[in-house]
């Protein structure tokens, strides 16, 4: 198998009824799910793939908690190399980071408890610490009260995964991302990844990994193949079995896919499946019984509803034997190639654009907590509008910070803005990736802007209404991203 590019095949040849693919795409459109990418693998080959323009195959996506499954994989490999055991106590592995008087339940916490989110904490100790400048996350985790006996209760904790990263780096002298490079990333042909680090220089572990959709598909296929890749053993088979099956109860096993049990940083699903799962609908679903992998990257909150559409349409489409080529197969291929999030219509440029180039003093706050201080809108000869916003963010990992957004917005098209064109301090860093932006001129002279981040599930939708020297800037909320509408007043300088 080519490590850089997965093989492709018509869905019928792999025993997949393309009607199921069409029905899934219909459901995505009907439910208005904001998907960025979709890939379906069957028996080691890609049988369906699509990206909603302007998103593209080469784009990386923020994996959020899908990152946890990669950290788990690193732990499994390290165990196979004799570096640690799941029974090892955390206090024995990190003696240099312990508080003077460790909590009695901390003394009982093991690597197994970290892997299963059964640390004994009521809430993740790092939930607040991650926004505190220069906080030592590992020391805060180890100093926190452990209310329950480890292993007795499931409580979702990105801090637990971070501690696995700290343990691995302590044992190997390498960040998790570097430890996995020759053992996982290079063999799979994953080249353009990045992974955030903590203020103390540890890979964040539980979040912060960015990959392309095909990179994630390879990871899922590796697990479907029980850790084998091109005949080479990358991950121990017993680790795949342990990680992908229920290691701790996390609910009543009723209803959806979040109460079926938790493995070693993987969620157990219905239908004999399991998944790597990240916020806002980042999914790598492995279906051993169907010999399939489903990859989805999204910007949604209704993640269970999205999984329901997978079960309703893609699952029954998988047959035991190949199918004859069909017209619906051609339709599915065309639909997948034509997916898009449409840009704003250009509108008609009025004769008077007196707002162009003027600087406005702003007084208000965006829904994401960024306080705006100035704004400028500049019309360009090609019909685009240059949008500049400046302000202040009070809560970032580096503390309070200034920020600036500078975007060229296409008229009737998505204009791509590279990170180097977006000035920023502490908030909009190059790691946020490119941003697509579009502008529409309205009949009343107002401007409507829409932006889509390439790598993050970020949307910024604004309307600027001008009345003499006055400006009203409305940020349109997002139900999916839990953002309320906000209004910001402005005065021309």
Protein backbone atom coordinates (compact mmCIF):
# COMPACT_ATOMS: atom_id res chain seq x y z
CA UNK A 1 0.00 0.00 0.00
CA UNK A 2 1.33 3.45 -0.97
CA UNK A 3 2.07 5.20 2.30
CA UNK A 4 1.38 8.69 0.96
CA UNK A 5 -1.85 8.09 -0.97
CA UNK A 6 -4.49 5.50 -0.20
CA UNK A 7 -5.76 3.42 -3.16
CA UNK A 8 -9.08 4.42 -4.74
CA UNK A 9 -11.91 2.24 -6.08
CA UNK A 10 -15.48 2.66 -7.26
CA UNK A 11 -17.88 2.00 -4.39
CA UNK A 12 -19.66 -0.81 -6.27
CA UNK A 13 -16.40 -2.68 -6.72
CA UNK A 14 -15.88 -2.65 -2.95
CA UNK A 15 -19.43 -3.81 -2.28
CA UNK A 16 -20.80 -0.37 -1.33
CA UNK A 17 -24.18 0.67 -2.72
CA UNK A 18 -23.67 4.27 -3.95
CA UNK A 19 -27.30 5.03 -3.16
CA UNK A 20 -26.28 5.07 0.50
CA UNK A 21 -23.63 7.70 -0.28
CA UNK A 22 -26.16 9.87 -2.12
CA UNK A 23 -28.64 9.49 0.73
CA UNK A 24 -25.96 10.46 3.26
CA UNK A 25 -25.11 13.61 1.27
CA UNK A 26 -28.81 14.44 1.02
CA UNK A 27 -29.11 14.12 4.80
CA UNK A 28 -26.09 16.37 5.37
CA UNK A 29 -27.64 19.03 3.13
CA UNK A 30 -31.11 18.66 4.62
CA UNK A 31 -29.84 18.92 8.19
CA UNK A 32 -27.48 21.77 7.26
CA UNK A 33 -24.47 20.10 8.83
CA UNK A 34 -21.34 22.21 8.32
CA UNK A 35 -19.03 19.48 7.05
CA UNK A 36 -15.59 20.18 5.67
CA UNK A 37 -14.67 16.67 4.47
CA UNK A 38 -15.97 13.11 4.18
CA UNK A 39 -14.11 9.92 3.36
CA UNK A 40 -15.36 6.34 3.28
CA UNK A 41 -12.87 3.45 3.12
CA UNK A 42 -13.87 -0.14 2.47
CA UNK A 43 -11.42 -3.02 2.64
CA UNK A 44 -8.43 -0.69 2.54
CA UNK A 45 -9.53 1.50 -0.37
CA UNK A 46 -11.20 4.91 -0.60
CA UNK A 47 -14.62 4.44 -2.20
CA UNK A 48 -16.07 7.90 -1.54
CA UNK A 49 -14.49 11.25 -0.69
CA UNK A 50 -15.55 14.86 -0.86
CA UNK A 51 -14.61 18.29 0.43
CA UNK A 52 -17.06 21.14 0.76
CA UNK A 53 -15.40 24.02 -1.12
CA UNK A 54 -13.53 26.17 -0.33
CA UNK A 55 -12.14 23.35 1.86
CA UNK A 56 -9.81 21.06 -0.07
CA UNK A 57 -8.02 17.68 0.21
CA UNK A 58 -4.68 19.26 1.10
CA UNK A 59 -6.15 21.18 4.05
CA UNK A 60 -5.20 20.22 7.58
CA UNK A 61 -7.93 20.13 10.22
CA UNK A 62 -7.76 20.67 13.96
CA UNK A 63 -8.36 17.21 15.41
CA UNK A 64 -9.33 18.36 18.92
CA UNK A 65 -9.80 15.22 21.04
CA UNK A 66 -9.04 12.87 18.15
CA UNK A 67 -5.52 13.75 19.33
CA UNK A 68 -6.14 11.56 22.38
CA UNK A 69 -6.25 8.40 20.27
CA UNK A 70 -2.79 9.21 18.88
CA UNK A 71 -1.43 9.71 22.39
CA UNK A 72 -2.91 6.36 23.38
CA UNK A 73 -1.15 4.80 20.41
CA UNK A 74 2.14 6.25 21.60
CA UNK A 75 1.56 4.72 25.03
CA UNK A 76 0.85 1.33 23.47
CA UNK A 77 4.05 1.46 21.44
CA UNK A 78 6.07 2.56 24.48
CA UNK A 79 4.67 -0.36 26.49
CA UNK A 80 5.72 -2.76 23.71
CA UNK A 81 9.22 -1.29 23.99
CA UNK A 82 9.29 -2.03 27.72
CA UNK A 83 9.27 1.60 28.84
CA UNK A 84 6.23 1.33 31.13
CA UNK A 85 3.16 -0.75 32.03
CA UNK A 86 -0.49 0.18 32.42
CA UNK A 87 -0.26 -0.90 36.06
CA UNK A 88 2.49 1.65 36.81
CA UNK A 89 1.55 4.28 39.36
CA UNK A 90 1.62 7.89 38.18
CA UNK A 91 3.49 9.00 41.31
CA UNK A 92 6.27 6.51 40.59
CA UNK A 93 6.66 7.77 37.02
CA UNK A 94 6.65 11.49 37.88
CA UNK A 95 8.25 11.85 41.33
CA UNK A 96 9.85 15.17 40.39
CA UNK A 97 6.46 16.82 39.82
CA UNK A 98 4.61 15.68 42.95
CA UNK A 99 3.29 18.05 45.62
CA UNK A 100 4.77 17.80 49.12
CA UNK A 101 1.72 15.91 50.38
CA UNK A 102 0.12 13.92 47.55
CA UNK A 103 -3.59 13.19 47.92
CA UNK A 104 -4.14 9.59 49.15
CA UNK A 105 -6.13 8.74 46.00
CA UNK A 106 -3.38 10.15 43.79
CA UNK A 107 -1.11 7.48 45.22
CA UNK A 108 -3.46 4.86 43.74
CA UNK A 109 -3.73 6.40 40.25
CA UNK A 110 -2.21 4.34 37.43
CA UNK A 111 -1.48 4.72 33.73
CA UNK A 112 -4.60 2.60 33.15
CA UNK A 113 -6.67 5.18 35.03
CA UNK A 114 -5.29 7.99 32.88
CA UNK A 115 -6.05 6.04 29.70
CA UNK A 116 -9.65 5.33 30.71
CA UNK A 117 -10.51 8.77 32.14
CA UNK A 118 -10.96 7.06 35.49
CA UNK A 119 -8.58 9.28 37.45
CA UNK A 120 -11.03 9.80 40.32
CA UNK A 121 -11.40 13.54 39.73
CA UNK A 122 -14.88 15.05 39.58
CA UNK A 123 -13.74 17.48 36.89
CA UNK A 124 -10.61 17.86 34.81
CA UNK A 125 -8.02 19.78 36.91
CA UNK A 126 -6.72 21.46 33.76
CA UNK A 127 -10.10 22.84 32.69
CA UNK A 128 -9.26 26.28 34.10
CA UNK A 129 -5.48 25.99 34.29
CA UNK A 130 -5.11 25.95 30.49
CA UNK A 131 -6.13 29.63 30.31
CA UNK A 132 -3.82 30.75 33.12
CA UNK A 133 -0.56 32.28 31.86
CA UNK A 134 2.55 30.28 32.75
CA UNK A 135 0.61 27.74 34.82
CA UNK A 136 2.44 24.42 35.23
CA UNK A 137 -0.27 22.06 34.04
CA UNK A 138 1.30 18.84 35.29
CA UNK A 139 1.89 20.18 38.79
CA UNK A 140 -1.66 21.55 38.93
CA UNK A 141 -3.05 18.17 37.88
CA UNK A 142 -1.02 16.30 40.48
CA UNK A 143 -1.86 18.78 43.24
CA UNK A 144 -5.62 18.65 42.64
CA UNK A 145 -7.97 16.87 45.01
CA UNK A 146 -8.83 13.36 43.82
CA UNK A 147 -12.35 13.03 45.14
CA UNK A 148 -12.97 9.39 44.16
CA UNK A 149 -10.93 6.22 44.19
CA UNK A 150 -9.23 5.96 40.75
CA UNK A 151 -11.06 3.54 38.49
CA UNK A 152 -14.39 3.92 40.28
CA UNK A 153 -15.93 6.57 38.03
CA UNK A 154 -15.54 7.91 34.49
CA UNK A 155 -14.99 11.67 34.17
CA UNK A 156 -13.83 12.99 30.82
CA UNK A 157 -10.44 14.65 31.22
CA UNK A 158 -8.09 16.12 28.66
CA UNK A 159 -5.75 16.65 31.59
CA UNK A 160 -5.45 12.87 31.98
CA UNK A 161 -4.23 12.60 28.39
CA UNK A 162 -1.82 15.48 28.92
CA UNK A 163 -0.32 13.57 31.83
CA UNK A 164 0.25 10.58 29.54
CA UNK A 165 2.20 12.93 27.27
CA UNK A 166 4.24 14.18 30.24
CA UNK A 167 4.99 10.60 31.27
CA UNK A 168 6.09 9.61 27.77
CA UNK A 169 8.35 12.63 27.40
CA UNK A 170 9.84 11.98 30.83
CA UNK A 171 10.61 8.37 29.86
CA UNK A 172 11.79 8.95 26.29
CA UNK A 173 13.25 12.45 26.36
CA UNK A 174 11.09 13.23 23.30
CA UNK A 175 7.82 15.01 22.76
CA UNK A 176 5.04 12.61 21.78
CA UNK A 177 4.94 14.08 18.28
CA UNK A 178 8.67 13.36 17.86
CA UNK A 179 8.46 9.92 19.47
CA UNK A 180 5.73 8.96 16.99
CA UNK A 181 7.57 10.31 13.95
CA UNK A 182 9.59 7.17 13.06
CA UNK A 183 7.12 4.78 14.69
CA UNK A 184 3.82 5.99 13.23
CA UNK A 185 3.82 9.20 11.20
CA UNK A 186 6.65 8.37 8.78
CA UNK A 187 5.47 4.80 8.03
CA UNK A 188 1.95 6.12 7.32
CA UNK A 189 3.28 8.93 5.14
CA UNK A 190 1.87 11.62 7.46
CA UNK A 191 4.10 14.60 6.71
CA UNK A 192 2.23 17.87 7.36
CA UNK A 193 1.08 17.33 10.93
CA UNK A 194 1.58 19.78 13.76
CA UNK A 195 0.86 19.38 17.47
CA UNK A 196 0.63 22.11 20.09
CA UNK A 197 2.85 22.12 23.14
CA UNK A 198 2.19 23.29 26.68
CA UNK A 199 4.00 26.21 28.34
CA UNK A 200 6.36 23.60 29.82
CA UNK A 201 7.20 22.15 26.39
CA UNK A 202 5.16 18.93 26.43
CA UNK A 203 2.96 17.87 23.52
CA UNK A 204 -0.57 18.71 24.70
CA UNK A 205 -1.66 15.11 24.13
CA UNK A 206 -5.40 15.51 24.51
CA UNK A 207 -5.83 18.15 21.82
CA UNK A 208 -3.83 20.31 19.42
CA UNK A 209 -3.00 17.83 16.62
CA UNK A 210 -3.65 18.91 13.03
CA UNK A 211 -3.85 16.46 10.13
CA UNK A 212 -5.36 16.16 6.68
CA UNK A 213 -8.45 14.01 6.22
CA UNK A 214 -6.42 11.37 4.41
CA UNK A 215 -3.90 11.27 7.25
CA UNK A 216 -6.74 10.51 9.65
CA UNK A 217 -8.12 7.90 7.26
CA UNK A 218 -4.77 6.11 7.28
CA UNK A 219 -4.80 6.05 11.08
CA UNK A 220 -8.26 4.50 11.05
CA UNK A 221 -7.20 1.94 8.46
CA UNK A 222 -4.15 1.06 10.59
CA UNK A 223 -6.44 0.25 13.50
CA UNK A 224 -8.83 -1.65 11.24
CA UNK A 225 -5.80 -3.75 10.23
CA UNK A 226 -5.04 -4.34 13.93
CA UNK A 227 -1.82 -2.33 13.85
CA UNK A 228 -0.32 -3.70 10.61
CA UNK A 229 0.76 -1.46 7.73
CA UNK A 230 2.29 -2.79 4.53
CA UNK A 231 3.10 -5.99 6.41
CA UNK A 232 4.94 -4.13 9.18
CA UNK A 233 3.77 -4.16 12.79
CA UNK A 234 3.39 -0.51 13.88
CA UNK A 235 1.05 -0.99 16.84
CA UNK A 236 0.79 -4.16 18.95
CA UNK A 237 -2.35 -6.12 18.09
CA UNK A 238 -3.24 -6.57 21.74
CA UNK A 239 -3.06 -2.78 22.20
CA UNK A 240 -5.55 -2.27 19.37
CA UNK A 241 -7.89 -4.72 21.09
CA UNK A 242 -7.45 -3.04 24.49
CA UNK A 243 -7.77 0.51 23.19
CA UNK A 244 -10.84 -0.15 21.05
CA UNK A 245 -12.96 -2.10 23.54
CA UNK A 246 -14.71 -1.06 26.75
CA UNK A 247 -12.28 -0.61 29.63
CA UNK A 248 -14.61 1.45 31.84
CA UNK A 249 -18.36 2.09 32.10
CA UNK A 250 -19.36 5.60 31.09
CA UNK A 251 -23.15 5.44 31.02
CA UNK A 252 -26.22 3.26 30.82
CA UNK A 253 -25.41 1.73 27.42
CA UNK A 254 -28.69 3.18 26.11
CA UNK A 255 -29.50 5.71 23.41
CA UNK A 256 -26.64 7.14 21.43
CA UNK A 257 -22.91 6.61 21.15
CA UNK A 258 -21.54 8.35 24.27
CA UNK A 259 -22.66 5.82 26.88
CA UNK A 260 -21.42 2.54 25.39
CA UNK A 261 -18.16 2.43 27.29
CA UNK A 262 -14.73 3.99 26.90
CA UNK A 263 -11.51 2.25 25.92
CA UNK A 264 -7.99 3.57 25.95
CA UNK A 265 -8.75 7.02 24.52
CA UNK A 266 -11.29 5.64 22.03
CA UNK A 267 -15.09 5.69 22.34
CA UNK A 268 -17.10 2.50 21.91
CA UNK A 269 -19.99 2.86 19.43
CA UNK A 270 -23.00 0.86 18.45
CA UNK A 271 -22.84 -1.65 15.58
CA UNK A 272 -19.57 -3.15 16.81
CA UNK A 273 -17.74 0.06 15.93
CA UNK A 274 -15.44 2.41 17.83
CA UNK A 275 -14.16 5.89 17.12
CA UNK A 276 -11.60 8.61 17.66
CA UNK A 277 -13.74 11.65 18.45
CA UNK A 278 -13.00 15.38 18.52
CA UNK A 279 -15.11 18.43 19.35
CA UNK A 280 -17.28 19.98 16.65
CA UNK A 281 -17.63 16.73 14.74
CA UNK A 282 -14.13 15.44 14.01
CA UNK A 283 -14.62 11.69 13.58
CA UNK A 284 -12.64 8.62 12.64
CA UNK A 285 -15.11 5.75 12.93
CA UNK A 286 -13.70 2.22 12.60
CA UNK A 287 -16.23 -0.50 11.67
CA UNK A 288 -14.49 -3.89 11.91
CA UNK A 289 -17.59 -5.91 10.98
CA UNK A 290 -17.98 -3.94 7.76
CA UNK A 291 -14.21 -3.62 7.12
CA UNK A 292 -14.76 0.11 6.81
CA UNK A 293 -13.55 3.47 8.06
CA UNK A 294 -15.53 6.73 8.00
CA UNK A 295 -13.73 10.08 8.37
CA UNK A 296 -15.59 13.34 8.90
CA UNK A 297 -14.33 16.83 9.69
CA UNK A 298 -16.93 19.37 10.68
CA UNK A 299 -17.91 22.55 12.50
CA UNK A 300 -21.06 21.32 14.26
CA UNK A 301 -22.47 20.72 17.72
CA UNK A 302 -25.04 18.06 16.74
CA UNK A 303 -22.47 15.32 16.62
CA UNK A 304 -24.78 12.48 17.68
CA UNK A 305 -27.19 13.47 14.93
CA UNK A 306 -24.38 13.27 12.40
CA UNK A 307 -23.47 9.79 13.59
CA UNK A 308 -27.13 8.79 13.23
CA UNK A 309 -26.92 9.65 9.53
CA UNK A 310 -23.82 7.47 9.19
CA UNK A 311 -25.68 4.55 10.75
CA UNK A 312 -28.84 5.22 8.72
CA UNK A 313 -27.27 5.51 5.27
CA UNK A 314 -23.66 4.33 5.07
CA UNK A 315 -23.90 1.27 7.28
CA UNK A 316 -26.64 -0.53 5.29
CA UNK A 317 -24.93 0.42 2.00
CA UNK A 318 -22.09 -2.03 2.71
CA UNK A 319 -22.68 -5.43 1.09
CA UNK A 320 -20.69 -8.64 1.21
CA UNK A 321 -19.95 -8.90 -2.52
CA UNK A 322 -19.16 -6.44 -5.31
CA UNK A 323 -22.02 -4.72 -7.11
CA UNK A 324 -22.48 -3.94 -10.79
CA UNK A 325 -21.59 -0.38 -11.93
CA UNK A 326 -24.66 1.82 -11.92
CA UNK A 327 -25.92 5.25 -12.91
CA UNK A 328 -26.37 6.12 -9.25
CA UNK A 329 -22.65 5.48 -8.84
CA UNK A 330 -21.94 8.16 -11.44
CA UNK A 331 -24.35 10.50 -9.66
CA UNK A 332 -22.60 9.90 -6.34
CA UNK A 333 -19.22 10.71 -7.89
CA UNK A 334 -20.55 13.96 -9.40
CA UNK A 335 -22.19 14.97 -6.14
CA UNK A 336 -18.97 14.41 -4.22
CA UNK A 337 -17.03 16.59 -6.67
CA UNK A 338 -19.54 19.43 -6.51
CA UNK A 339 -19.82 19.88 -2.73
CA UNK A 340 -19.49 23.47 -1.54
CA UNK A 341 -20.27 26.12 1.02
CA UNK A 342 -21.30 28.91 -1.31
CA UNK A 343 -19.64 32.33 -0.95
CA UNK A 344 -21.78 35.41 -0.44
CA UNK A 345 -23.26 36.91 -3.62
CA UNK A 346 -21.24 39.90 -4.79
CA UNK A 347 -24.09 42.39 -4.84
CA UNK A 348 -23.81 45.71 -6.65
CA UNK A 349 -21.18 48.28 -5.69
CA UNK A 350 -22.88 51.67 -5.10
CA UNK A 351 -21.39 54.83 -6.56
CA UNK A 352 -20.68 56.19 -3.10
CA UNK A 353 -18.51 54.05 -0.83
CA UNK A 354 -17.63 56.79 1.63
CA UNK A 355 -16.71 54.20 4.25
CA UNK A 356 -13.73 53.02 2.21
CA UNK A 357 -10.45 53.59 3.99
CA UNK A 358 -12.00 55.29 7.02
CA UNK A 359 -10.98 54.15 10.47
CA UNK A 360 -13.73 53.59 13.02
CA UNK A 361 -13.39 53.49 16.78
CA UNK A 362 -15.30 50.46 18.00
CA UNK A 363 -16.80 49.73 21.40
CA UNK A 364 -18.01 46.19 21.82
CA UNK A 365 -17.09 42.55 22.05
CA UNK A 366 -17.35 39.64 19.65
CA UNK A 367 -19.14 36.51 20.83
CA UNK A 368 -15.82 34.69 21.23
CA UNK A 369 -14.71 37.25 23.83
CA UNK A 370 -12.52 39.53 21.68
CA UNK A 371 -12.94 43.22 22.49
CA UNK A 372 -12.82 45.34 19.34
CA UNK A 373 -11.22 48.78 19.42
CA UNK A 374 -10.87 49.80 15.75
CA UNK A 375 -12.08 48.74 12.32
CA UNK A 376 -11.43 49.73 8.73
CA UNK A 377 -13.10 48.68 5.45
CA UNK A 378 -11.26 49.47 2.22
CA UNK A 379 -12.72 48.89 -1.26
CA UNK A 380 -10.28 47.49 -3.80
CA UNK A 381 -10.32 48.02 -7.58
CA UNK A 382 -11.04 44.33 -8.21
CA UNK A 383 -14.26 44.48 -6.16
CA UNK A 384 -12.83 42.91 -3.04
CA UNK A 385 -12.98 44.63 0.35
CA UNK A 386 -10.08 44.68 2.78
CA UNK A 387 -11.38 44.14 6.33
CA UNK A 388 -9.20 45.18 9.28
CA UNK A 389 -10.19 44.72 12.92
CA UNK A 390 -8.07 45.36 16.00
CA UNK A 391 -8.73 44.72 19.66
CA UNK A 392 -7.81 43.00 22.86
CA UNK A 393 -8.26 39.51 24.27
CA UNK A 394 -8.15 39.16 28.04
CA UNK A 395 -7.90 35.36 28.27
CA UNK A 396 -5.26 33.53 26.26
CA UNK A 397 -2.61 31.00 27.34
CA UNK A 398 -0.17 33.92 27.24
CA UNK A 399 -2.42 36.26 29.22
CA UNK A 400 -4.01 39.42 27.86
CA UNK A 401 -2.93 40.14 24.30
CA UNK A 402 -3.57 42.51 21.43
CA UNK A 403 -4.79 41.07 18.17
CA UNK A 404 -5.45 42.18 14.62
CA UNK A 405 -7.41 40.63 11.77
CA UNK A 406 -6.58 41.66 8.22
CA UNK A 407 -8.58 39.89 5.53
CA UNK A 408 -9.10 40.45 1.84
CA UNK A 409 -12.73 39.45 1.18
CA UNK A 410 -13.77 38.27 -2.27
CA UNK A 411 -16.88 39.65 -3.98
CA UNK A 412 -18.95 36.60 -4.89
CA UNK A 413 -16.01 34.28 -4.35
CA UNK A 414 -13.97 32.94 -1.45
CA UNK A 415 -10.67 34.83 -1.16
CA UNK A 416 -7.91 32.84 0.55
CA UNK A 417 -5.84 34.71 3.15
CA UNK A 418 -2.57 33.13 4.27
CA UNK A 419 -1.51 33.38 7.92
CA UNK A 420 1.28 35.83 7.05
CA UNK A 421 -1.39 38.33 5.97
CA UNK A 422 -3.10 38.24 9.36
CA UNK A 423 -1.27 40.20 12.02
CA UNK A 424 -1.71 38.82 15.50
CA UNK A 425 -0.27 38.68 18.99
CA UNK A 426 -1.28 35.80 21.18
CA UNK A 427 -4.63 35.11 19.50
CA UNK A 428 -4.34 34.80 15.73
CA UNK A 429 -1.11 32.88 15.33
CA UNK A 430 0.11 31.26 12.09
CA UNK A 431 -0.97 27.89 13.48
CA UNK A 432 -4.59 28.97 13.00
CA UNK A 433 -4.05 28.44 9.31
CA UNK A 434 -5.46 30.25 6.27
CA UNK A 435 -8.88 31.93 6.27
CA UNK A 436 -11.32 32.22 3.37
CA UNK A 437 -13.39 35.41 3.27
CA UNK A 438 -16.28 36.67 1.17
CA UNK A 439 -18.16 40.00 1.05
CA UNK A 440 -21.54 41.08 -0.28
CA UNK A 441 -22.70 44.65 -0.86
CA UNK A 442 -26.35 45.15 0.13
CA UNK A 443 -28.87 47.52 -1.45
CA UNK A 444 -28.89 49.75 1.63
CA UNK A 445 -25.12 50.28 1.33
CA UNK A 446 -24.21 47.88 4.12
CA UNK A 447 -21.58 45.16 3.83
CA UNK A 448 -21.99 41.53 4.84
CA UNK A 449 -18.88 39.43 5.49
CA UNK A 450 -18.46 35.67 5.85
CA UNK A 451 -15.25 33.88 6.78
CA UNK A 452 -14.26 30.22 7.06
CA UNK A 453 -11.09 29.08 8.77
CA UNK A 454 -9.33 26.29 6.89
CA UNK A 455 -7.96 24.44 9.89
CA UNK A 456 -10.31 25.39 12.71
CA UNK A 457 -14.13 25.19 12.98
CA UNK A 458 -14.23 28.99 13.13
CA UNK A 459 -16.82 31.14 11.41
CA UNK A 460 -17.05 34.94 11.53
CA UNK A 461 -20.15 36.44 9.94
CA UNK A 462 -20.59 40.21 10.15
CA UNK A 463 -22.81 42.97 8.77
CA UNK A 464 -21.49 46.54 8.76
CA UNK A 465 -24.14 49.28 8.43
CA UNK A 466 -22.97 52.85 7.84
CA UNK A 467 -24.90 56.03 8.70
CA UNK A 468 -22.78 59.10 8.21
CA UNK A 469 -19.94 58.85 10.70
CA UNK A 470 -21.71 56.10 12.62
CA UNK A 471 -21.13 52.38 12.20
CA UNK A 472 -23.09 49.45 13.56
CA UNK A 473 -21.28 46.12 13.34
CA UNK A 474 -23.43 43.04 13.92
CA UNK A 475 -21.80 39.66 14.47
CA UNK A 476 -24.29 36.99 13.47
CA UNK A 477 -24.39 34.17 15.95
CA UNK A 478 -23.94 30.47 15.28
CA UNK A 479 -26.25 27.89 16.85
CA UNK A 480 -23.78 25.13 15.98
CA UNK A 481 -20.84 26.86 17.64
CA UNK A 482 -22.93 28.21 20.55
CA UNK A 483 -22.24 31.85 19.65
CA UNK A 484 -24.87 34.52 20.28
CA UNK A 485 -25.42 37.58 18.10
CA UNK A 486 -23.49 40.64 19.24
CA UNK A 487 -23.77 44.31 18.26
CA UNK A 488 -20.88 46.73 18.27
CA UNK A 489 -21.13 50.49 17.77
CA UNK A 490 -18.53 52.56 15.97
CA UNK A 491 -17.61 56.19 15.28
CA UNK A 492 -15.42 57.39 12.41
CA UNK A 493 -12.22 59.13 13.46
